[in-house]
Structure formats: C-alpha cells, structure tokens
Amino acid sequence: MGRSLRASEESVQKVKNALKRLRWKQQGLATRVECSRQTIFSFLKRKPIYCEIFESICSEFGFTIEEVAEIESNNINNLVVRVREIIEHIIRDRCGTMRIFDMTQPIGLNDISTHVNILEKITARRRKSINELLQECQLGKFEGCVFGKTTEEIFPAIEAV
C-alpha cells in the first residue's frame, strides 16, 4: 500500500500538544507505533505516510483517522474535472459517430436527423368507424394513415427524442 494519508494542520497541532503534555519525544512515539523517527517527522510536517502507521499514530492519542486525516474532496473534484477534459475527445471519437451499412464514412450522432410527423391536436379520444378508418388509410400501408392534421418538420434526432 502506498503513502496515502496526511494530517490536517489542526490535527498536527493536537498531536504536538499531546506529545508535550505526555512529555514524549518523536523517537518515543516512533517506538510505540513501530516506525522510524523520520516517519513521525513526516507526519508532523503533514507529508503523506502509510495508512497503517497513520492509523497507529491516531489510535495512540485516541483519535480516529477521520478526525486527523486531511480530506481532499476539493482536490478530488478538481481531478475529476481534469480527467473529463482529457478524455472528452477520446469519448467523442469512439462514441460520437455511427456506422451506417451503405455509407463509406461514419456519420456524427449530432448530424442524424429524422422526419417527424407531429399532430397539432391530440386525437386519442376521437371515435371513427371501421369504414372511416379504411377511407383514411390505405389497407396494409400504415405509413399513409393520418389521424388528424399533422405538421411535418425535420428535427435533429436528439431533439425529437
């Protein structure tokens, strides 16, 4: 496991105060938690140290890891933003186009349009007899069926959805 935890400024001050109160030296704490004095020095200088040793130092003074560790959620958010910026073009290259069987070049998803018939008035409750429906529709050709006044426009596919 790598070096992954570092103490917050307030927590380091608490540990230093506890060391003074208990009259311990850095070497004494290092012996108690079974690490080098350099590791204790790094902890007190807010440098990252191994999780296991960090936990031992915390428990030696009755602190939890959450109380002592510096939580860098802001840095994580910044990291997420940077990663998104780096991989955005990769995702667009891999997922932003669609191959169509009879076309030699793929087409961009934003360039796909479809014809959409939009009813100007909802006709769900309109009642018609079979004869009226047969007159409006050519039997077996449902694409010619019109159930009210429509407006035919061309929309980008994503807008139609």
N, C-alpha and C. Protein backbone atom coordinates (compact mmCIF):
# COMPACT_ATOMS: atom_id res chain seq x y z
N MET A 1 0.85 -1.18 0.00
CA MET A 1 0.00 0.00 0.00
C MET A 1 0.89 1.23 0.00
N GLY A 2 0.58 2.24 -0.80
CA GLY A 2 1.40 3.43 -0.90
C GLY A 2 1.10 4.44 0.18
N ARG A 3 1.91 5.47 0.18
CA ARG A 3 1.67 6.57 1.11
C ARG A 3 0.41 7.27 0.66
N SER A 4 -0.58 7.37 1.56
CA SER A 4 -1.84 7.89 1.07
C SER A 4 -2.56 8.82 2.02
N LEU A 5 -2.10 8.95 3.27
CA LEU A 5 -2.81 9.83 4.20
C LEU A 5 -1.86 10.88 4.76
N ARG A 6 -2.39 12.07 4.91
CA ARG A 6 -1.63 13.11 5.59
C ARG A 6 -2.55 13.83 6.55
N ALA A 7 -1.95 14.38 7.60
CA ALA A 7 -2.72 15.01 8.67
C ALA A 7 -3.06 16.45 8.31
N SER A 8 -4.18 16.91 8.84
CA SER A 8 -4.56 18.31 8.67
C SER A 8 -3.73 19.17 9.63
N GLU A 9 -3.69 20.45 9.38
CA GLU A 9 -2.90 21.36 10.23
C GLU A 9 -3.39 21.33 11.67
N GLU A 10 -4.71 21.36 11.86
CA GLU A 10 -5.27 21.34 13.22
C GLU A 10 -4.92 20.06 13.96
N SER A 11 -4.95 18.95 13.25
CA SER A 11 -4.66 17.65 13.87
C SER A 11 -3.20 17.55 14.27
N VAL A 12 -2.31 18.07 13.44
CA VAL A 12 -0.88 18.05 13.77
C VAL A 12 -0.66 18.84 15.05
N GLN A 13 -1.34 19.98 15.18
CA GLN A 13 -1.19 20.78 16.39
C GLN A 13 -1.69 20.01 17.61
N LYS A 14 -2.80 19.29 17.46
CA LYS A 14 -3.32 18.48 18.57
C LYS A 14 -2.31 17.40 18.97
N VAL A 15 -1.70 16.75 17.99
CA VAL A 15 -0.73 15.70 18.28
C VAL A 15 0.51 16.31 18.95
N LYS A 16 0.97 17.45 18.47
CA LYS A 16 2.13 18.11 19.10
C LYS A 16 1.82 18.48 20.54
N ASN A 17 0.60 18.99 20.78
CA ASN A 17 0.20 19.33 22.15
C ASN A 17 0.16 18.08 23.03
N ALA A 18 -0.36 16.97 22.48
CA ALA A 18 -0.42 15.72 23.23
C ALA A 18 1.00 15.21 23.53
N LEU A 19 1.93 15.35 22.57
CA LEU A 19 3.32 14.94 22.80
C LEU A 19 3.93 15.75 23.94
N LYS A 20 3.68 17.05 23.97
CA LYS A 20 4.19 17.91 25.04
C LYS A 20 3.58 17.53 26.38
N ARG A 21 2.25 17.33 26.37
CA ARG A 21 1.54 17.00 27.60
C ARG A 21 2.05 15.69 28.20
N LEU A 22 2.29 14.70 27.32
CA LEU A 22 2.77 13.39 27.77
C LEU A 22 4.29 13.35 27.93
N ARG A 23 4.96 14.43 27.52
CA ARG A 23 6.42 14.54 27.58
C ARG A 23 7.10 13.44 26.77
N TRP A 24 6.53 13.20 25.58
CA TRP A 24 7.13 12.22 24.67
C TRP A 24 7.95 12.96 23.63
N LYS A 25 8.98 12.33 23.18
CA LYS A 25 9.76 12.82 22.05
C LYS A 25 9.28 12.07 20.81
N GLN A 26 9.69 12.56 19.63
CA GLN A 26 9.31 11.89 18.38
C GLN A 26 9.80 10.44 18.39
N GLN A 27 10.98 10.21 18.92
CA GLN A 27 11.52 8.84 18.94
C GLN A 27 10.67 7.94 19.83
N GLY A 28 10.15 8.47 20.94
CA GLY A 28 9.30 7.69 21.83
C GLY A 28 8.01 7.27 21.12
N LEU A 29 7.42 8.20 20.39
CA LEU A 29 6.21 7.88 19.64
C LEU A 29 6.52 6.87 18.54
N ALA A 30 7.66 7.05 17.88
CA ALA A 30 8.05 6.12 16.82
C ALA A 30 8.20 4.71 17.36
N THR A 31 8.77 4.58 18.55
CA THR A 31 8.93 3.25 19.18
C THR A 31 7.57 2.65 19.49
N ARG A 32 6.66 3.46 20.01
CA ARG A 32 5.33 2.96 20.38
C ARG A 32 4.54 2.48 19.16
N VAL A 33 4.66 3.17 18.03
CA VAL A 33 3.89 2.79 16.85
C VAL A 33 4.71 1.95 15.86
N GLU A 34 5.93 1.61 16.27
CA GLU A 34 6.83 0.74 15.50
C GLU A 34 7.11 1.29 14.10
N CYS A 35 7.67 2.50 14.09
CA CYS A 35 8.11 3.10 12.83
C CYS A 35 9.37 3.92 13.10
N SER A 36 9.89 4.54 12.09
CA SER A 36 11.10 5.36 12.27
C SER A 36 10.73 6.75 12.78
N ARG A 37 11.72 7.43 13.37
CA ARG A 37 11.51 8.80 13.80
C ARG A 37 11.24 9.70 12.59
N GLN A 38 11.83 9.36 11.44
CA GLN A 38 11.62 10.12 10.21
C GLN A 38 10.15 10.08 9.78
N THR A 39 9.50 8.95 9.99
CA THR A 39 8.08 8.84 9.65
C THR A 39 7.25 9.75 10.55
N ILE A 40 7.58 9.80 11.83
CA ILE A 40 6.87 10.70 12.75
C ILE A 40 7.12 12.15 12.33
N PHE A 41 8.36 12.46 11.97
CA PHE A 41 8.71 13.79 11.49
C PHE A 41 7.88 14.14 10.25
N SER A 42 7.76 13.20 9.32
CA SER A 42 6.95 13.42 8.11
C SER A 42 5.49 13.67 8.47
N PHE A 43 4.97 12.88 9.40
CA PHE A 43 3.58 13.05 9.86
C PHE A 43 3.39 14.47 10.40
N LEU A 44 4.32 14.93 11.25
CA LEU A 44 4.20 16.25 11.86
C LEU A 44 4.43 17.38 10.86
N LYS A 45 5.08 17.10 9.74
CA LYS A 45 5.27 18.08 8.68
C LYS A 45 4.17 17.98 7.62
N ARG A 46 3.16 17.17 7.90
CA ARG A 46 1.99 16.99 7.04
C ARG A 46 2.32 16.37 5.70
N LYS A 47 3.27 15.46 5.69
CA LYS A 47 3.59 14.73 4.47
C LYS A 47 2.83 13.41 4.51
N PRO A 48 2.48 12.86 3.36
CA PRO A 48 1.74 11.58 3.34
C PRO A 48 2.59 10.44 3.92
N ILE A 49 1.94 9.60 4.70
CA ILE A 49 2.60 8.41 5.26
C ILE A 49 1.70 7.21 5.07
N TYR A 50 2.26 6.01 5.34
CA TYR A 50 1.49 4.78 5.16
C TYR A 50 0.25 4.77 6.05
N CYS A 51 -0.81 4.23 5.51
CA CYS A 51 -2.10 4.18 6.22
C CYS A 51 -1.99 3.48 7.58
N GLU A 52 -1.28 2.35 7.61
CA GLU A 52 -1.20 1.57 8.86
C GLU A 52 -0.53 2.38 9.96
N ILE A 53 0.55 3.08 9.62
CA ILE A 53 1.26 3.88 10.61
C ILE A 53 0.42 5.09 11.00
N PHE A 54 -0.23 5.70 10.03
CA PHE A 54 -1.12 6.83 10.30
C PHE A 54 -2.19 6.41 11.30
N GLU A 55 -2.78 5.25 11.08
CA GLU A 55 -3.82 4.74 11.98
C GLU A 55 -3.26 4.48 13.37
N SER A 56 -2.04 3.93 13.46
CA SER A 56 -1.41 3.68 14.76
C SER A 56 -1.17 4.97 15.52
N ILE A 57 -0.70 5.99 14.83
CA ILE A 57 -0.47 7.28 15.48
C ILE A 57 -1.78 7.84 16.02
N CYS A 58 -2.83 7.78 15.19
CA CYS A 58 -4.14 8.27 15.62
C CYS A 58 -4.64 7.54 16.85
N SER A 59 -4.57 6.22 16.83
CA SER A 59 -5.10 5.44 17.95
C SER A 59 -4.26 5.62 19.21
N GLU A 60 -2.98 5.93 19.07
CA GLU A 60 -2.11 6.16 20.22
C GLU A 60 -2.60 7.36 21.04
N PHE A 61 -3.23 8.33 20.36
CA PHE A 61 -3.74 9.52 21.05
C PHE A 61 -5.25 9.51 21.19
N GLY A 62 -5.90 8.42 20.77
CA GLY A 62 -7.35 8.31 20.90
C GLY A 62 -8.13 9.06 19.84
N PHE A 63 -7.50 9.32 18.69
CA PHE A 63 -8.18 9.99 17.59
C PHE A 63 -8.61 8.95 16.55
N THR A 64 -9.62 9.29 15.78
CA THR A 64 -9.98 8.46 14.64
C THR A 64 -9.25 9.00 13.41
N ILE A 65 -9.12 8.16 12.40
CA ILE A 65 -8.46 8.59 11.16
C ILE A 65 -9.21 9.78 10.56
N GLU A 66 -10.54 9.73 10.61
CA GLU A 66 -11.35 10.80 10.03
C GLU A 66 -11.11 12.14 10.71
N GLU A 67 -10.80 12.11 12.02
CA GLU A 67 -10.54 13.35 12.75
C GLU A 67 -9.20 13.97 12.37
N VAL A 68 -8.24 13.13 12.00
CA VAL A 68 -6.87 13.59 11.79
C VAL A 68 -6.53 13.79 10.32
N ALA A 69 -7.02 12.91 9.46
CA ALA A 69 -6.65 12.96 8.04
C ALA A 69 -7.23 14.19 7.37
N GLU A 70 -6.45 14.72 6.46
CA GLU A 70 -6.92 15.84 5.65
C GLU A 70 -7.73 15.26 4.50
N ILE A 71 -9.00 15.57 4.47
CA ILE A 71 -9.87 15.09 3.42
C ILE A 71 -9.79 16.09 2.28
N GLU A 72 -9.39 15.61 1.12
CA GLU A 72 -9.17 16.50 -0.01
C GLU A 72 -10.26 16.33 -1.06
N SER A 73 -11.51 16.52 -0.64
CA SER A 73 -12.62 16.36 -1.59
C SER A 73 -12.54 17.41 -2.69
N ASN A 74 -12.07 18.61 -2.35
CA ASN A 74 -11.94 19.65 -3.36
C ASN A 74 -10.92 19.23 -4.41
N ASN A 75 -9.81 18.62 -3.97
CA ASN A 75 -8.81 18.15 -4.91
C ASN A 75 -9.35 17.02 -5.78
N ILE A 76 -10.20 16.18 -5.20
CA ILE A 76 -10.80 15.09 -5.97
C ILE A 76 -11.71 15.67 -7.05
N ASN A 77 -12.50 16.68 -6.69
CA ASN A 77 -13.37 17.32 -7.68
C ASN A 77 -12.56 17.93 -8.81
N ASN A 78 -11.44 18.59 -8.46
CA ASN A 78 -10.57 19.17 -9.48
C ASN A 78 -9.99 18.08 -10.38
N LEU A 79 -9.62 16.95 -9.76
CA LEU A 79 -9.07 15.84 -10.52
C LEU A 79 -10.11 15.28 -11.50
N VAL A 80 -11.35 15.15 -11.05
CA VAL A 80 -12.42 14.66 -11.93
C VAL A 80 -12.60 15.59 -13.12
N VAL A 81 -12.59 16.89 -12.87
CA VAL A 81 -12.74 17.87 -13.96
C VAL A 81 -11.59 17.72 -14.95
N ARG A 82 -10.36 17.57 -14.45
CA ARG A 82 -9.20 17.44 -15.34
C ARG A 82 -9.28 16.16 -16.16
N VAL A 83 -9.68 15.05 -15.53
CA VAL A 83 -9.78 13.78 -16.25
C VAL A 83 -10.84 13.88 -17.33
N ARG A 84 -11.97 14.51 -17.02
CA ARG A 84 -13.02 14.69 -18.03
C ARG A 84 -12.51 15.49 -19.21
N GLU A 85 -11.75 16.55 -18.93
CA GLU A 85 -11.20 17.36 -20.02
C GLU A 85 -10.26 16.55 -20.90
N ILE A 86 -9.48 15.69 -20.27
CA ILE A 86 -8.50 14.89 -21.00
C ILE A 86 -9.17 13.84 -21.87
N ILE A 87 -10.20 13.17 -21.33
CA ILE A 87 -10.79 12.04 -22.06
C ILE A 87 -12.01 12.41 -22.90
N GLU A 88 -12.47 13.66 -22.82
CA GLU A 88 -13.66 14.04 -23.57
C GLU A 88 -13.50 13.77 -25.06
N HIS A 89 -12.37 14.16 -25.64
CA HIS A 89 -12.19 13.95 -27.09
C HIS A 89 -12.10 12.47 -27.43
N ILE A 90 -11.57 11.67 -26.52
CA ILE A 90 -11.49 10.22 -26.75
C ILE A 90 -12.90 9.62 -26.81
N ILE A 91 -13.74 10.03 -25.88
CA ILE A 91 -15.12 9.54 -25.84
C ILE A 91 -15.88 10.00 -27.09
N ARG A 92 -15.68 11.26 -27.47
CA ARG A 92 -16.35 11.76 -28.68
C ARG A 92 -15.90 10.99 -29.92
N ASP A 93 -14.59 10.70 -30.02
CA ASP A 93 -14.07 9.94 -31.16
C ASP A 93 -14.66 8.53 -31.21
N ARG A 94 -14.75 7.89 -30.05
CA ARG A 94 -15.21 6.49 -30.01
C ARG A 94 -16.72 6.35 -30.04
N CYS A 95 -17.44 7.31 -29.45
CA CYS A 95 -18.89 7.15 -29.29
C CYS A 95 -19.71 8.20 -30.03
N GLY A 96 -19.06 9.14 -30.70
CA GLY A 96 -19.79 10.25 -31.31
C GLY A 96 -20.23 10.01 -32.73
N THR A 97 -19.94 8.84 -33.28
CA THR A 97 -20.33 8.55 -34.66
C THR A 97 -21.04 7.21 -34.74
N MET A 98 -21.73 7.03 -35.86
CA MET A 98 -22.43 5.76 -36.10
C MET A 98 -22.13 5.32 -37.52
N ARG A 99 -21.80 4.06 -37.66
CA ARG A 99 -21.57 3.50 -38.99
C ARG A 99 -22.90 3.03 -39.56
N ILE A 100 -23.18 3.44 -40.78
CA ILE A 100 -24.38 3.04 -41.50
C ILE A 100 -23.92 2.09 -42.60
N PHE A 101 -24.64 0.99 -42.81
CA PHE A 101 -24.19 -0.07 -43.71
C PHE A 101 -23.77 0.40 -45.10
N ASP A 102 -24.57 1.20 -45.76
CA ASP A 102 -24.26 1.55 -47.14
C ASP A 102 -23.46 2.85 -47.28
N MET A 103 -22.97 3.38 -46.18
CA MET A 103 -22.18 4.61 -46.24
C MET A 103 -20.71 4.29 -46.02
N THR A 104 -19.84 4.96 -46.75
CA THR A 104 -18.40 4.69 -46.62
C THR A 104 -17.82 5.34 -45.37
N GLN A 105 -18.36 6.47 -44.96
CA GLN A 105 -17.85 7.16 -43.78
C GLN A 105 -18.91 7.13 -42.67
N PRO A 106 -18.47 7.04 -41.40
CA PRO A 106 -19.45 7.12 -40.31
C PRO A 106 -20.04 8.53 -40.23
N ILE A 107 -21.20 8.63 -39.65
CA ILE A 107 -21.89 9.92 -39.53
C ILE A 107 -21.95 10.30 -38.05
N GLY A 108 -21.77 11.59 -37.77
CA GLY A 108 -21.82 12.07 -36.39
C GLY A 108 -23.22 11.95 -35.82
N LEU A 109 -23.31 11.59 -34.56
CA LEU A 109 -24.63 11.45 -33.94
C LEU A 109 -25.41 12.76 -33.96
N ASN A 110 -24.73 13.88 -33.85
CA ASN A 110 -25.42 15.17 -33.90
C ASN A 110 -25.90 15.52 -35.29
N ASP A 111 -25.41 14.80 -36.31
CA ASP A 111 -25.79 15.08 -37.69
C ASP A 111 -26.95 14.20 -38.18
N ILE A 112 -27.43 13.30 -37.35
CA ILE A 112 -28.52 12.41 -37.74
C ILE A 112 -29.84 13.16 -37.52
N SER A 113 -30.64 13.23 -38.57
CA SER A 113 -31.96 13.88 -38.49
C SER A 113 -33.01 12.87 -38.92
N THR A 114 -34.21 13.12 -38.52
CA THR A 114 -35.31 12.23 -38.89
C THR A 114 -36.55 13.06 -39.18
N HIS A 115 -37.40 12.57 -40.07
CA HIS A 115 -38.68 13.22 -40.33
C HIS A 115 -39.62 12.85 -39.20
N VAL A 116 -40.29 13.83 -38.67
CA VAL A 116 -41.21 13.59 -37.57
C VAL A 116 -42.55 14.21 -37.93
N ASN A 117 -43.60 13.42 -37.84
CA ASN A 117 -44.95 13.95 -38.02
C ASN A 117 -45.50 14.28 -36.64
N ILE A 118 -45.88 15.50 -36.44
CA ILE A 118 -46.38 15.93 -35.15
C ILE A 118 -47.85 16.30 -35.31
N LEU A 119 -48.69 15.70 -34.49
CA LEU A 119 -50.12 16.04 -34.52
C LEU A 119 -50.31 17.40 -33.87
N GLU A 120 -51.01 18.26 -34.54
CA GLU A 120 -51.29 19.58 -33.98
C GLU A 120 -52.34 19.50 -32.88
N LYS A 121 -53.19 18.50 -32.98
CA LYS A 121 -54.25 18.33 -31.99
C LYS A 121 -54.28 16.86 -31.60
N ILE A 122 -54.37 16.59 -30.31
CA ILE A 122 -54.43 15.21 -29.84
C ILE A 122 -55.76 14.60 -30.26
N THR A 123 -55.67 13.41 -30.85
CA THR A 123 -56.89 12.79 -31.39
C THR A 123 -57.18 11.44 -30.74
N ALA A 124 -56.70 11.20 -29.58
CA ALA A 124 -56.85 9.91 -28.93
C ALA A 124 -58.31 9.58 -28.61
N ARG A 125 -59.11 10.57 -28.34
CA ARG A 125 -60.50 10.30 -27.94
C ARG A 125 -61.49 10.41 -29.10
N ARG A 126 -60.96 10.59 -30.25
CA ARG A 126 -61.81 10.69 -31.42
C ARG A 126 -62.32 9.30 -31.80
N ARG A 127 -63.60 9.20 -32.11
CA ARG A 127 -64.17 7.89 -32.46
C ARG A 127 -64.45 7.86 -33.96
N LYS A 128 -64.02 6.76 -34.58
CA LYS A 128 -64.29 6.57 -36.01
C LYS A 128 -64.73 5.14 -36.23
N SER A 129 -65.53 5.00 -37.22
CA SER A 129 -65.97 3.65 -37.58
C SER A 129 -64.89 3.00 -38.42
N ILE A 130 -65.00 1.71 -38.62
CA ILE A 130 -64.04 0.99 -39.44
C ILE A 130 -64.03 1.54 -40.86
N ASN A 131 -65.18 1.82 -41.40
CA ASN A 131 -65.25 2.36 -42.76
C ASN A 131 -64.52 3.70 -42.88
N GLU A 132 -64.67 4.56 -41.85
CA GLU A 132 -63.97 5.84 -41.88
C GLU A 132 -62.46 5.65 -41.82
N LEU A 133 -62.03 4.70 -40.99
CA LEU A 133 -60.60 4.42 -40.88
C LEU A 133 -60.06 3.86 -42.19
N LEU A 134 -60.84 2.97 -42.83
CA LEU A 134 -60.40 2.40 -44.10
C LEU A 134 -60.31 3.46 -45.19
N GLN A 135 -61.19 4.44 -45.12
CA GLN A 135 -61.14 5.53 -46.09
C GLN A 135 -59.89 6.39 -45.89
N GLU A 136 -59.48 6.60 -44.63
CA GLU A 136 -58.32 7.44 -44.35
C GLU A 136 -57.00 6.69 -44.58
N CYS A 137 -57.02 5.42 -44.45
CA CYS A 137 -55.79 4.63 -44.57
C CYS A 137 -55.88 3.72 -45.78
N GLN A 138 -54.78 3.56 -46.43
CA GLN A 138 -54.74 2.56 -47.48
C GLN A 138 -54.49 1.24 -46.78
N LEU A 139 -55.33 0.26 -47.06
CA LEU A 139 -55.25 -1.02 -46.37
C LEU A 139 -53.86 -1.64 -46.52
N GLY A 140 -53.20 -1.95 -45.39
CA GLY A 140 -51.87 -2.59 -45.41
C GLY A 140 -50.72 -1.60 -45.50
N LYS A 141 -51.01 -0.32 -45.72
CA LYS A 141 -49.94 0.68 -45.79
C LYS A 141 -50.18 1.69 -44.67
N PHE A 142 -49.69 1.37 -43.50
CA PHE A 142 -49.97 2.19 -42.32
C PHE A 142 -49.20 3.50 -42.32
N GLU A 143 -48.11 3.60 -43.12
CA GLU A 143 -47.39 4.87 -43.14
C GLU A 143 -48.22 5.97 -43.81
N GLY A 144 -49.27 5.59 -44.55
CA GLY A 144 -50.13 6.58 -45.17
C GLY A 144 -51.28 6.99 -44.29
N CYS A 145 -51.41 6.39 -43.13
CA CYS A 145 -52.50 6.66 -42.21
C CYS A 145 -52.34 8.03 -41.57
N VAL A 146 -53.38 8.83 -41.60
CA VAL A 146 -53.33 10.13 -40.95
C VAL A 146 -54.54 10.23 -40.03
N PHE A 147 -54.28 10.48 -38.74
CA PHE A 147 -55.35 10.59 -37.77
C PHE A 147 -55.48 12.02 -37.27
N GLY A 148 -55.55 12.94 -38.15
CA GLY A 148 -55.67 14.34 -37.78
C GLY A 148 -54.68 15.17 -38.59
N LYS A 149 -54.74 16.46 -38.38
CA LYS A 149 -53.86 17.38 -39.10
C LYS A 149 -52.46 17.29 -38.50
N THR A 150 -51.47 17.11 -39.38
CA THR A 150 -50.09 17.00 -38.91
C THR A 150 -49.23 18.08 -39.51
N THR A 151 -48.12 18.32 -38.85
CA THR A 151 -47.09 19.21 -39.35
C THR A 151 -45.86 18.36 -39.55
N GLU A 152 -45.32 18.35 -40.74
CA GLU A 152 -44.12 17.56 -40.98
C GLU A 152 -42.93 18.50 -40.99
N GLU A 153 -42.01 18.27 -40.08
CA GLU A 153 -40.80 19.06 -39.99
C GLU A 153 -39.62 18.11 -39.85
N ILE A 154 -38.45 18.62 -40.12
CA ILE A 154 -37.23 17.83 -39.91
C ILE A 154 -36.57 18.34 -38.64
N PHE A 155 -36.33 17.40 -37.72
CA PHE A 155 -35.71 17.72 -36.44
C PHE A 155 -34.42 16.93 -36.29
N PRO A 156 -33.45 17.46 -35.57
CA PRO A 156 -32.34 16.60 -35.17
C PRO A 156 -32.91 15.45 -34.33
N ALA A 157 -32.35 14.28 -34.46
CA ALA A 157 -32.89 13.10 -33.78
C ALA A 157 -32.97 13.31 -32.27
N ILE A 158 -31.95 13.92 -31.69
CA ILE A 158 -31.95 14.10 -30.24
C ILE A 158 -33.06 15.03 -29.80
N GLU A 159 -33.41 16.02 -30.63
CA GLU A 159 -34.49 16.94 -30.30
C GLU A 159 -35.84 16.23 -30.38
N ALA A 160 -35.99 15.34 -31.35
CA ALA A 160 -37.24 14.59 -31.49
C ALA A 160 -37.45 13.68 -30.29
N VAL A 161 -36.38 13.08 -29.81
CA VAL A 161 -36.48 12.21 -28.64
C VAL A 161 -36.87 13.03 -27.44
